[in-house]
Amino acid sequence: MKKKILTLVLSMAMTGTILSGCQKETPEESSVFENIDAADKAETSESDQSATTKTQPSDNTSDVTNETPASTGDLYEDFKTGAAKAKFTKSGDRGAYLVLSDILEDGQSYSLSEIDDKLASSGDYSFKVNGDATYRTIDCGNDGEKELLYQQEFTAEEMGGEIFTLFMILKDMGGELKICYDQDMWSRSDVTINDDGTIYGSGSGGAALHVYDFAFVDAKGDYQFYYGSEENITPFGDFYYNVNGESKSISLEGLDTDHLIINTYYFEPEYEKRNDYVSFNMIDDNYNLVTKDEDYTDANEVYKRLTENGIKVYKNLELANLLHDRAVEIGYPDTSDGEN
């Protein structure tokens, strides 16, 4: 795993340049890890019940006009048809615009139609279902027990027709469905969910700022945040970072930032409470990595500026060790095909 993590650390420094076309642009103050602030959502609107005329009632007559579909005996199939509900767990909520924790109560169960209705009247935005949901069975933790991956597109007129895709992982917890994880995707963010329950998210805060996060749902159905990273390509102005949830910044004025990438890594699932581990790499005019060992000494002006401002700079191998230890701590699946 260590070998694979080190390869990932080295390759991530160049991923954003491919996506950005190497353009310089002022980064927006937003991130795929941040949930937008929204006013408290009032859960209102009860459906008006239309009067019905009863004709020749029998012993089995019911006043219920919208009957719950019959159970198939399969909780996942029942959830699809509306015959079963799933319990919402706030700990797995990673939404940025489709924020289920704003409209659902932790520990309460909801049907798909109830979730759709609440998203349609969620306050600032009215998200409407766009097309049919898709489903896929996955195996979180590779233990042979199948989970259900739900995917559904929504649109909001207030967002100019922007398409938002909601993902949810659901697990049968011995007769009760649990929403283990939920996250949304839109034009400036991507979400990939693998068959083993590992989750990869990425996004852009501008041509020079790219963000990544890695997580998974384990075999027990619990959401585990692995780590997040931000990549600042050819940064300019000030460099912003967090120390134990407190935002700090230093000036990069006078440095050769045209040949610089600064990376930060953190392990806290709550973005605002993160503690950044800082590293950097030097690049040439074609954005190839040209970092040397001596760049992590005072001979390099970037290293000197960072350390003089109290920032510990981590080398790539040190970062690989940090990520390896974190993976072991939370039981992140080893996808290194037996390599250690």
Foldseek 3Di string as FASTA:
>chain_A
DLVVLLVVLVVVLQVLCVVLVNDDDPFAPDDLQAADDDDQADPDDDDDDDDDDDDPDDPPDDPDPDDQDDDPVDQVVSLLRRNAWAAEAQQQARERLLGVVRQDPHGDIDHPVRSLVCCCRVHPWGKHWDDGKDKDWAQAAPPPFIKIKIKTWIATVVVVGWIKIKIWIWHCPPPHIYGQHIYIATDFKDWDADRRFKIKIKGGRHSQKIKIWIWGQHNNSHTATQKMKMKGQLDAAWDWFDAQLDIDIDHPPPARSNFKMKMWMFRDSNVSRTHTQIEMFGADNVRHTDRDPCCCDVVNVVNVRQVVVPHDYDDSSRVSVVSVVSCVVVVPDDPPVPDD
